[in-house]
Amino acid sequence: MLSSRYALALVLGATTVIVAAALSARVGPSAAAQSGPGLEGSWMSEGTAATGGPFPLGGLRFTTYNADGTLVTTSRGRGVIPTTGHGSWTQVGNREFATTWFGFARDAEGNYTAIAKVRGRIQVNEQGDETSSRSEVQISDLNGNVLTTDSATGHAKRIRVEPLN
């Protein structure tokens, strides 16, 4: 009787160790990657084209990073830079995030003329209130043919959005 209880305790103990190790391996890296201030919330940013290429990057942009990994970004838009974009974001390291978003560009008459695809990396400072970023921007016609590419750098500040009570 004592040996069967001992064997059962040994099996249960080994099973617990195996399950704990499996769960630790599964969530360990992502838990480490999620340390530090996050990106979730609203930010006001300004970007500058690296080469001053054929499309004008810059000006103010508001971006909201939702808890589900989606984002919405809005600016006043100039030339082929879209006024609104939709995309996603994910944490890739300690206070470091990767983003991809798309938006339609319009001409002066308001006709849709191009699609912008923006892929970026964002680093949040230790206080969680500012970011620095670098992005690759690809402009395509409405059929998906790439017209031009450029890169950009940016800086953002967190916006505190609080409901009216």
N, C-alpha and C. Protein backbone atom coordinates (compact mmCIF):
# COMPACT_ATOMS: atom_id res chain seq x y z
N MET A 1 0.82 -1.18 0.00
CA MET A 1 0.00 0.00 0.00
C MET A 1 0.87 1.24 0.00
N LEU A 2 1.90 1.23 0.80
CA LEU A 2 2.79 2.38 0.87
C LEU A 2 3.50 2.58 -0.46
N SER A 3 3.88 1.52 -1.11
CA SER A 3 4.60 1.64 -2.37
C SER A 3 3.69 2.15 -3.48
N SER A 4 2.40 1.79 -3.48
CA SER A 4 1.50 2.30 -4.53
C SER A 4 1.23 3.79 -4.31
N ARG A 5 1.14 4.22 -3.06
CA ARG A 5 0.98 5.66 -2.79
C ARG A 5 2.23 6.42 -3.19
N TYR A 6 3.36 5.83 -2.91
CA TYR A 6 4.63 6.45 -3.28
C TYR A 6 4.73 6.56 -4.80
N ALA A 7 4.36 5.51 -5.49
CA ALA A 7 4.40 5.51 -6.96
C ALA A 7 3.44 6.55 -7.52
N LEU A 8 2.23 6.65 -6.96
CA LEU A 8 1.24 7.64 -7.40
C LEU A 8 1.77 9.06 -7.17
N ALA A 9 2.36 9.30 -6.01
CA ALA A 9 2.91 10.62 -5.71
C ALA A 9 4.05 10.95 -6.67
N LEU A 10 4.87 9.97 -6.98
CA LEU A 10 5.97 10.17 -7.92
C LEU A 10 5.45 10.50 -9.31
N VAL A 11 4.42 9.79 -9.77
CA VAL A 11 3.83 10.04 -11.09
C VAL A 11 3.20 11.43 -11.12
N LEU A 12 2.42 11.79 -10.08
CA LEU A 12 1.81 13.10 -10.03
C LEU A 12 2.86 14.21 -9.97
N GLY A 13 3.89 14.00 -9.20
CA GLY A 13 4.97 14.99 -9.10
C GLY A 13 5.68 15.17 -10.43
N ALA A 14 5.99 14.08 -11.11
CA ALA A 14 6.65 14.15 -12.41
C ALA A 14 5.76 14.83 -13.44
N THR A 15 4.47 14.51 -13.41
CA THR A 15 3.52 15.14 -14.33
C THR A 15 3.46 16.64 -14.08
N THR A 16 3.43 17.05 -12.83
CA THR A 16 3.40 18.48 -12.49
C THR A 16 4.65 19.19 -13.01
N VAL A 17 5.80 18.56 -12.84
CA VAL A 17 7.06 19.16 -13.32
C VAL A 17 7.04 19.28 -14.84
N ILE A 18 6.57 18.26 -15.53
CA ILE A 18 6.53 18.27 -17.00
C ILE A 18 5.56 19.35 -17.49
N VAL A 19 4.38 19.43 -16.90
CA VAL A 19 3.39 20.44 -17.31
C VAL A 19 3.94 21.84 -17.02
N ALA A 20 4.54 22.05 -15.86
CA ALA A 20 5.09 23.36 -15.51
C ALA A 20 6.20 23.75 -16.48
N ALA A 21 7.05 22.81 -16.83
CA ALA A 21 8.14 23.10 -17.78
C ALA A 21 7.58 23.44 -19.16
N ALA A 22 6.57 22.72 -19.59
CA ALA A 22 5.97 23.00 -20.90
C ALA A 22 5.32 24.37 -20.92
N LEU A 23 4.59 24.71 -19.86
CA LEU A 23 3.96 26.03 -19.81
C LEU A 23 5.00 27.13 -19.71
N SER A 24 6.05 26.91 -18.95
CA SER A 24 7.10 27.91 -18.83
C SER A 24 7.78 28.15 -20.17
N ALA A 25 8.06 27.10 -20.92
CA ALA A 25 8.67 27.25 -22.24
C ALA A 25 7.73 27.95 -23.20
N ARG A 26 6.45 27.71 -23.04
CA ARG A 26 5.45 28.30 -23.94
C ARG A 26 5.24 29.78 -23.68
N VAL A 27 5.19 30.20 -22.41
CA VAL A 27 4.92 31.59 -22.11
C VAL A 27 6.16 32.36 -21.67
N GLY A 28 7.26 31.68 -21.42
CA GLY A 28 8.46 32.35 -20.94
C GLY A 28 8.93 33.49 -21.82
N PRO A 29 9.23 33.28 -23.12
CA PRO A 29 9.75 34.35 -23.95
C PRO A 29 8.77 35.51 -24.10
N SER A 30 7.49 35.22 -24.26
CA SER A 30 6.55 36.32 -24.46
C SER A 30 6.38 37.11 -23.17
N ALA A 31 6.46 36.45 -22.03
CA ALA A 31 6.37 37.19 -20.78
C ALA A 31 7.56 38.12 -20.62
N ALA A 32 8.75 37.64 -21.00
CA ALA A 32 9.94 38.49 -20.94
C ALA A 32 9.84 39.63 -21.92
N ALA A 33 9.30 39.35 -23.11
CA ALA A 33 9.18 40.39 -24.13
C ALA A 33 8.18 41.46 -23.72
N GLN A 34 7.25 41.14 -22.82
CA GLN A 34 6.21 42.08 -22.47
C GLN A 34 6.57 42.93 -21.25
N SER A 35 7.83 42.88 -20.80
CA SER A 35 8.19 43.71 -19.67
C SER A 35 8.36 45.16 -20.14
N GLY A 36 8.23 46.09 -19.22
CA GLY A 36 8.39 47.49 -19.56
C GLY A 36 7.10 48.11 -20.06
N PRO A 37 7.12 49.44 -20.26
CA PRO A 37 5.92 50.14 -20.72
C PRO A 37 5.46 49.64 -22.08
N GLY A 38 4.15 49.66 -22.28
CA GLY A 38 3.58 49.16 -23.52
C GLY A 38 3.24 50.25 -24.51
N LEU A 39 2.67 49.85 -25.61
CA LEU A 39 2.31 50.75 -26.70
C LEU A 39 0.82 51.06 -26.72
N GLU A 40 0.04 50.24 -26.05
CA GLU A 40 -1.42 50.40 -26.08
C GLU A 40 -1.82 51.81 -25.64
N GLY A 41 -2.73 52.42 -26.41
CA GLY A 41 -3.20 53.77 -26.12
C GLY A 41 -3.05 54.65 -27.34
N SER A 42 -3.18 55.97 -27.13
CA SER A 42 -3.12 56.93 -28.23
C SER A 42 -1.85 57.75 -28.16
N TRP A 43 -1.30 58.06 -29.34
CA TRP A 43 -0.03 58.76 -29.46
C TRP A 43 -0.14 59.83 -30.55
N MET A 44 0.59 60.94 -30.37
CA MET A 44 0.72 61.96 -31.41
C MET A 44 2.17 61.91 -31.88
N SER A 45 2.36 61.75 -33.20
CA SER A 45 3.71 61.59 -33.73
C SER A 45 3.99 62.55 -34.87
N GLU A 46 5.26 62.66 -35.18
CA GLU A 46 5.70 63.40 -36.35
C GLU A 46 6.83 62.61 -36.99
N GLY A 47 6.73 62.43 -38.31
CA GLY A 47 7.73 61.66 -39.03
C GLY A 47 8.40 62.50 -40.09
N THR A 48 9.62 62.08 -40.46
CA THR A 48 10.39 62.76 -41.49
C THR A 48 10.97 61.73 -42.44
N ALA A 49 10.81 61.95 -43.75
CA ALA A 49 11.37 61.04 -44.75
C ALA A 49 12.89 61.06 -44.67
N ALA A 50 13.48 59.89 -44.81
CA ALA A 50 14.93 59.80 -44.76
C ALA A 50 15.59 60.47 -45.96
N THR A 51 14.99 60.32 -47.13
CA THR A 51 15.61 60.86 -48.35
C THR A 51 14.90 62.08 -48.89
N GLY A 52 13.79 62.45 -48.27
CA GLY A 52 13.01 63.55 -48.83
C GLY A 52 12.48 63.17 -50.19
N GLY A 53 12.17 61.89 -50.34
CA GLY A 53 11.76 61.31 -51.63
C GLY A 53 10.57 61.97 -52.28
N PRO A 54 9.97 61.30 -53.24
CA PRO A 54 8.92 61.90 -54.05
C PRO A 54 7.59 62.08 -53.32
N PHE A 55 7.46 61.60 -52.12
CA PHE A 55 6.21 61.81 -51.38
C PHE A 55 6.55 62.46 -50.05
N PRO A 56 5.75 63.40 -49.63
CA PRO A 56 6.08 64.18 -48.43
C PRO A 56 5.65 63.49 -47.15
N LEU A 57 6.60 62.93 -46.44
CA LEU A 57 6.30 62.40 -45.12
C LEU A 57 6.48 63.52 -44.11
N GLY A 58 5.71 63.51 -43.12
CA GLY A 58 5.86 64.52 -42.09
C GLY A 58 4.52 65.03 -41.64
N GLY A 59 4.56 65.96 -40.73
CA GLY A 59 3.33 66.49 -40.18
C GLY A 59 2.86 65.63 -39.02
N LEU A 60 1.84 66.10 -38.36
CA LEU A 60 1.32 65.41 -37.19
C LEU A 60 0.43 64.24 -37.58
N ARG A 61 0.48 63.18 -36.77
CA ARG A 61 -0.33 61.99 -36.98
C ARG A 61 -0.77 61.49 -35.62
N PHE A 62 -2.03 61.10 -35.51
CA PHE A 62 -2.55 60.47 -34.30
C PHE A 62 -2.70 58.98 -34.59
N THR A 63 -2.23 58.15 -33.67
CA THR A 63 -2.36 56.71 -33.82
C THR A 63 -2.85 56.12 -32.51
N THR A 64 -3.82 55.22 -32.61
CA THR A 64 -4.31 54.48 -31.44
C THR A 64 -3.98 53.01 -31.62
N TYR A 65 -3.26 52.45 -30.65
CA TYR A 65 -2.88 51.04 -30.61
C TYR A 65 -3.85 50.35 -29.67
N ASN A 66 -4.70 49.49 -30.21
CA ASN A 66 -5.73 48.81 -29.43
C ASN A 66 -5.17 47.56 -28.75
N ALA A 67 -5.80 47.14 -27.66
CA ALA A 67 -5.36 45.98 -26.89
C ALA A 67 -5.36 44.70 -27.70
N ASP A 68 -6.19 44.61 -28.75
CA ASP A 68 -6.26 43.39 -29.56
C ASP A 68 -5.20 43.32 -30.65
N GLY A 69 -4.26 44.29 -30.69
CA GLY A 69 -3.18 44.26 -31.67
C GLY A 69 -3.50 45.00 -32.96
N THR A 70 -4.63 45.69 -33.02
CA THR A 70 -4.95 46.49 -34.21
C THR A 70 -4.58 47.94 -33.94
N LEU A 71 -4.48 48.71 -35.03
CA LEU A 71 -4.19 50.13 -34.89
C LEU A 71 -4.97 50.92 -35.93
N VAL A 72 -5.25 52.17 -35.60
CA VAL A 72 -5.86 53.13 -36.52
C VAL A 72 -5.02 54.39 -36.42
N THR A 73 -4.65 54.96 -37.57
CA THR A 73 -3.82 56.14 -37.60
C THR A 73 -4.43 57.19 -38.51
N THR A 74 -4.33 58.45 -38.12
CA THR A 74 -4.95 59.53 -38.88
C THR A 74 -4.01 60.74 -38.92
N SER A 75 -3.93 61.37 -40.11
CA SER A 75 -3.21 62.62 -40.25
C SER A 75 -3.98 63.52 -41.20
N ARG A 76 -3.49 64.70 -41.40
CA ARG A 76 -4.17 65.57 -42.35
C ARG A 76 -3.92 65.15 -43.78
N GLY A 77 -2.88 64.35 -44.03
CA GLY A 77 -2.59 63.82 -45.36
C GLY A 77 -2.11 64.89 -46.31
N ARG A 78 -1.07 64.56 -47.03
CA ARG A 78 -0.55 65.45 -48.06
C ARG A 78 -0.03 64.58 -49.20
N GLY A 79 -0.41 64.89 -50.41
CA GLY A 79 0.06 64.10 -51.54
C GLY A 79 -0.38 62.67 -51.42
N VAL A 80 0.56 61.76 -51.52
CA VAL A 80 0.20 60.35 -51.47
C VAL A 80 0.16 59.78 -50.05
N ILE A 81 0.42 60.61 -49.06
CA ILE A 81 0.35 60.11 -47.69
C ILE A 81 -1.11 60.08 -47.26
N PRO A 82 -1.59 58.90 -46.85
CA PRO A 82 -3.01 58.77 -46.51
C PRO A 82 -3.40 59.53 -45.26
N THR A 83 -4.65 59.95 -45.23
CA THR A 83 -5.16 60.61 -44.03
C THR A 83 -5.48 59.58 -42.96
N THR A 84 -5.91 58.39 -43.33
CA THR A 84 -6.26 57.35 -42.37
C THR A 84 -5.65 56.02 -42.81
N GLY A 85 -5.15 55.27 -41.83
CA GLY A 85 -4.60 53.95 -42.11
C GLY A 85 -5.09 52.96 -41.07
N HIS A 86 -5.10 51.70 -41.45
CA HIS A 86 -5.51 50.62 -40.56
C HIS A 86 -4.44 49.54 -40.60
N GLY A 87 -4.16 48.93 -39.45
CA GLY A 87 -3.13 47.90 -39.43
C GLY A 87 -3.09 47.14 -38.12
N SER A 88 -1.89 46.60 -37.85
CA SER A 88 -1.71 45.80 -36.65
C SER A 88 -0.34 46.09 -36.04
N TRP A 89 -0.20 45.68 -34.78
CA TRP A 89 1.05 45.83 -34.07
C TRP A 89 1.27 44.63 -33.17
N THR A 90 2.53 44.38 -32.86
CA THR A 90 2.87 43.30 -31.95
C THR A 90 4.14 43.66 -31.20
N GLN A 91 4.27 43.16 -29.99
CA GLN A 91 5.48 43.39 -29.21
C GLN A 91 6.53 42.38 -29.64
N VAL A 92 7.75 42.86 -29.90
CA VAL A 92 8.83 41.99 -30.36
C VAL A 92 10.01 41.97 -29.40
N GLY A 93 9.99 42.78 -28.37
CA GLY A 93 11.07 42.81 -27.39
C GLY A 93 10.70 43.72 -26.24
N ASN A 94 11.68 44.00 -25.40
CA ASN A 94 11.46 44.86 -24.25
C ASN A 94 11.22 46.29 -24.72
N ARG A 95 9.99 46.77 -24.63
CA ARG A 95 9.58 48.10 -25.07
C ARG A 95 9.77 48.30 -26.58
N GLU A 96 9.84 47.22 -27.35
CA GLU A 96 10.01 47.32 -28.80
C GLU A 96 8.83 46.64 -29.50
N PHE A 97 8.33 47.30 -30.54
CA PHE A 97 7.12 46.86 -31.23
C PHE A 97 7.31 46.92 -32.74
N ALA A 98 6.61 46.03 -33.45
CA ALA A 98 6.59 46.03 -34.91
C ALA A 98 5.18 46.37 -35.36
N THR A 99 5.07 47.19 -36.42
CA THR A 99 3.77 47.60 -36.93
C THR A 99 3.72 47.45 -38.44
N THR A 100 2.53 47.25 -38.95
CA THR A 100 2.26 47.32 -40.39
C THR A 100 0.88 47.93 -40.54
N TRP A 101 0.77 48.92 -41.43
CA TRP A 101 -0.54 49.51 -41.70
C TRP A 101 -0.63 49.93 -43.16
N PHE A 102 -1.86 50.03 -43.64
CA PHE A 102 -2.16 50.40 -45.02
C PHE A 102 -3.12 51.58 -45.02
N GLY A 103 -3.02 52.39 -46.05
CA GLY A 103 -3.96 53.48 -46.22
C GLY A 103 -4.05 53.88 -47.68
N PHE A 104 -5.20 54.41 -48.08
CA PHE A 104 -5.39 54.92 -49.43
C PHE A 104 -4.90 56.36 -49.51
N ALA A 105 -4.25 56.71 -50.61
CA ALA A 105 -3.84 58.09 -50.86
C ALA A 105 -4.79 58.69 -51.88
N ARG A 106 -4.96 60.01 -51.79
CA ARG A 106 -5.86 60.72 -52.71
C ARG A 106 -5.14 61.89 -53.37
N ASP A 107 -5.61 62.24 -54.54
CA ASP A 107 -5.08 63.44 -55.20
C ASP A 107 -5.81 64.67 -54.69
N ALA A 108 -5.49 65.84 -55.25
CA ALA A 108 -6.07 67.11 -54.78
C ALA A 108 -7.59 67.15 -54.95
N GLU A 109 -8.12 66.40 -55.91
CA GLU A 109 -9.56 66.36 -56.12
C GLU A 109 -10.27 65.33 -55.24
N GLY A 110 -9.52 64.59 -54.46
CA GLY A 110 -10.12 63.60 -53.57
C GLY A 110 -10.25 62.22 -54.17
N ASN A 111 -9.71 61.99 -55.36
CA ASN A 111 -9.77 60.66 -56.00
C ASN A 111 -8.69 59.75 -55.41
N TYR A 112 -9.06 58.51 -55.14
CA TYR A 112 -8.08 57.55 -54.65
C TYR A 112 -7.10 57.22 -55.77
N THR A 113 -5.80 57.37 -55.47
CA THR A 113 -4.78 57.20 -56.50
C THR A 113 -3.73 56.16 -56.16
N ALA A 114 -3.53 55.85 -54.89
CA ALA A 114 -2.44 54.96 -54.50
C ALA A 114 -2.75 54.30 -53.17
N ILE A 115 -1.92 53.30 -52.83
CA ILE A 115 -2.00 52.62 -51.55
C ILE A 115 -0.63 52.74 -50.89
N ALA A 116 -0.63 53.17 -49.65
CA ALA A 116 0.61 53.24 -48.88
C ALA A 116 0.66 52.04 -47.93
N LYS A 117 1.80 51.37 -47.90
CA LYS A 117 2.05 50.30 -46.93
C LYS A 117 3.23 50.76 -46.09
N VAL A 118 3.02 50.82 -44.77
CA VAL A 118 4.05 51.31 -43.87
C VAL A 118 4.37 50.21 -42.86
N ARG A 119 5.64 49.79 -42.84
CA ARG A 119 6.10 48.80 -41.88
C ARG A 119 7.11 49.48 -40.98
N GLY A 120 6.96 49.33 -39.66
CA GLY A 120 7.84 50.04 -38.76
C GLY A 120 8.25 49.29 -37.52
N ARG A 121 9.25 49.86 -36.85
CA ARG A 121 9.70 49.41 -35.53
C ARG A 121 9.61 50.61 -34.61
N ILE A 122 9.07 50.39 -33.44
CA ILE A 122 8.87 51.46 -32.46
C ILE A 122 9.53 51.06 -31.15
N GLN A 123 10.28 51.99 -30.57
CA GLN A 123 10.89 51.78 -29.25
C GLN A 123 10.27 52.77 -28.28
N VAL A 124 9.68 52.25 -27.19
CA VAL A 124 9.08 53.10 -26.15
C VAL A 124 10.14 53.38 -25.10
N ASN A 125 10.23 54.65 -24.64
CA ASN A 125 11.21 54.97 -23.61
C ASN A 125 10.84 54.32 -22.28
N GLU A 126 11.76 54.38 -21.32
CA GLU A 126 11.55 53.71 -20.03
C GLU A 126 10.37 54.27 -19.26
N GLN A 127 10.05 55.55 -19.43
CA GLN A 127 8.92 56.15 -18.72
C GLN A 127 7.60 55.80 -19.38
N GLY A 128 7.62 55.31 -20.62
CA GLY A 128 6.40 54.92 -21.32
C GLY A 128 5.61 56.07 -21.90
N ASP A 129 6.25 57.25 -22.03
CA ASP A 129 5.51 58.40 -22.54
C ASP A 129 6.01 58.93 -23.88
N GLU A 130 7.09 58.38 -24.42
CA GLU A 130 7.61 58.81 -25.72
C GLU A 130 8.13 57.60 -26.49
N THR A 131 8.15 57.75 -27.82
CA THR A 131 8.69 56.69 -28.67
C THR A 131 9.64 57.29 -29.70
N SER A 132 10.47 56.43 -30.25
CA SER A 132 11.22 56.74 -31.46
C SER A 132 10.91 55.60 -32.42
N SER A 133 10.91 55.92 -33.71
CA SER A 133 10.52 54.89 -34.68
C SER A 133 11.30 55.03 -35.98
N ARG A 134 11.32 53.95 -36.72
CA ARG A 134 11.84 53.94 -38.08
C ARG A 134 10.88 53.11 -38.91
N SER A 135 10.62 53.56 -40.13
CA SER A 135 9.62 52.91 -40.97
C SER A 135 10.10 52.77 -42.40
N GLU A 136 9.58 51.77 -43.08
CA GLU A 136 9.74 51.61 -44.52
C GLU A 136 8.38 51.89 -45.13
N VAL A 137 8.35 52.78 -46.12
CA VAL A 137 7.10 53.18 -46.75
C VAL A 137 7.14 52.75 -48.21
N GLN A 138 6.09 52.07 -48.62
CA GLN A 138 5.96 51.61 -50.01
C GLN A 138 4.68 52.18 -50.59
N ILE A 139 4.79 52.89 -51.70
CA ILE A 139 3.63 53.45 -52.37
C ILE A 139 3.38 52.65 -53.64
N SER A 140 2.14 52.14 -53.78
CA SER A 140 1.75 51.34 -54.94
C SER A 140 0.54 51.98 -55.60
N ASP A 141 0.37 51.70 -56.90
CA ASP A 141 -0.86 52.15 -57.55
C ASP A 141 -2.01 51.27 -57.07
N LEU A 142 -3.20 51.56 -57.51
CA LEU A 142 -4.37 50.82 -57.02
C LEU A 142 -4.39 49.36 -57.49
N ASN A 143 -3.52 49.01 -58.45
CA ASN A 143 -3.41 47.62 -58.91
C ASN A 143 -2.31 46.86 -58.17
N GLY A 144 -1.62 47.53 -57.25
CA GLY A 144 -0.57 46.87 -56.47
C GLY A 144 0.82 47.01 -57.04
N ASN A 145 1.01 47.75 -58.13
CA ASN A 145 2.35 47.95 -58.71
C ASN A 145 3.10 49.00 -57.90
N VAL A 146 4.29 48.64 -57.40
CA VAL A 146 5.07 49.55 -56.56
C VAL A 146 5.54 50.74 -57.40
N LEU A 147 5.24 51.94 -56.90
CA LEU A 147 5.65 53.17 -57.57
C LEU A 147 6.95 53.71 -56.99
N THR A 148 7.07 53.68 -55.67
CA THR A 148 8.26 54.21 -55.02
C THR A 148 8.33 53.70 -53.58
N THR A 149 9.50 53.79 -52.99
CA THR A 149 9.70 53.43 -51.59
C THR A 149 10.59 54.48 -50.93
N ASP A 150 10.53 54.56 -49.65
CA ASP A 150 11.38 55.46 -48.88
C ASP A 150 11.39 54.94 -47.45
N SER A 151 12.17 55.56 -46.61
CA SER A 151 12.16 55.23 -45.19
C SER A 151 11.93 56.52 -44.42
N ALA A 152 11.57 56.38 -43.17
CA ALA A 152 11.27 57.55 -42.35
C ALA A 152 11.66 57.27 -40.91
N THR A 153 11.87 58.33 -40.18
CA THR A 153 12.07 58.24 -38.73
C THR A 153 11.00 59.09 -38.08
N GLY A 154 10.69 58.78 -36.85
CA GLY A 154 9.65 59.53 -36.17
C GLY A 154 9.84 59.58 -34.68
N HIS A 155 9.05 60.41 -34.07
CA HIS A 155 9.05 60.60 -32.62
C HIS A 155 7.60 60.80 -32.21
N ALA A 156 7.19 60.20 -31.11
CA ALA A 156 5.79 60.34 -30.66
C ALA A 156 5.74 60.58 -29.16
N LYS A 157 4.63 61.20 -28.74
CA LYS A 157 4.34 61.39 -27.33
C LYS A 157 2.98 60.80 -27.04
N ARG A 158 2.88 60.14 -25.89
CA ARG A 158 1.62 59.53 -25.47
C ARG A 158 0.58 60.62 -25.19
N ILE A 159 -0.64 60.37 -25.63
CA ILE A 159 -1.76 61.28 -25.37
C ILE A 159 -2.63 60.62 -24.32
N ARG A 160 -2.92 61.32 -23.27
CA ARG A 160 -3.81 60.79 -22.24
C ARG A 160 -5.24 61.09 -22.65
N VAL A 161 -5.98 60.06 -22.93
CA VAL A 161 -7.38 60.21 -23.34
C VAL A 161 -8.24 59.71 -22.19
N GLU A 162 -8.97 60.63 -21.59
CA GLU A 162 -9.81 60.27 -20.46
C GLU A 162 -11.25 60.71 -20.74
N PRO A 163 -12.21 59.86 -20.46
CA PRO A 163 -13.61 60.23 -20.70
C PRO A 163 -14.07 61.32 -19.75
N LEU A 164 -15.06 62.06 -20.19
CA LEU A 164 -15.68 63.09 -19.35
C LEU A 164 -16.55 62.39 -18.32
N ASN A 165 -16.47 62.81 -17.09
CA ASN A 165 -17.30 62.19 -16.03
C ASN A 165 -18.61 62.87 -15.89
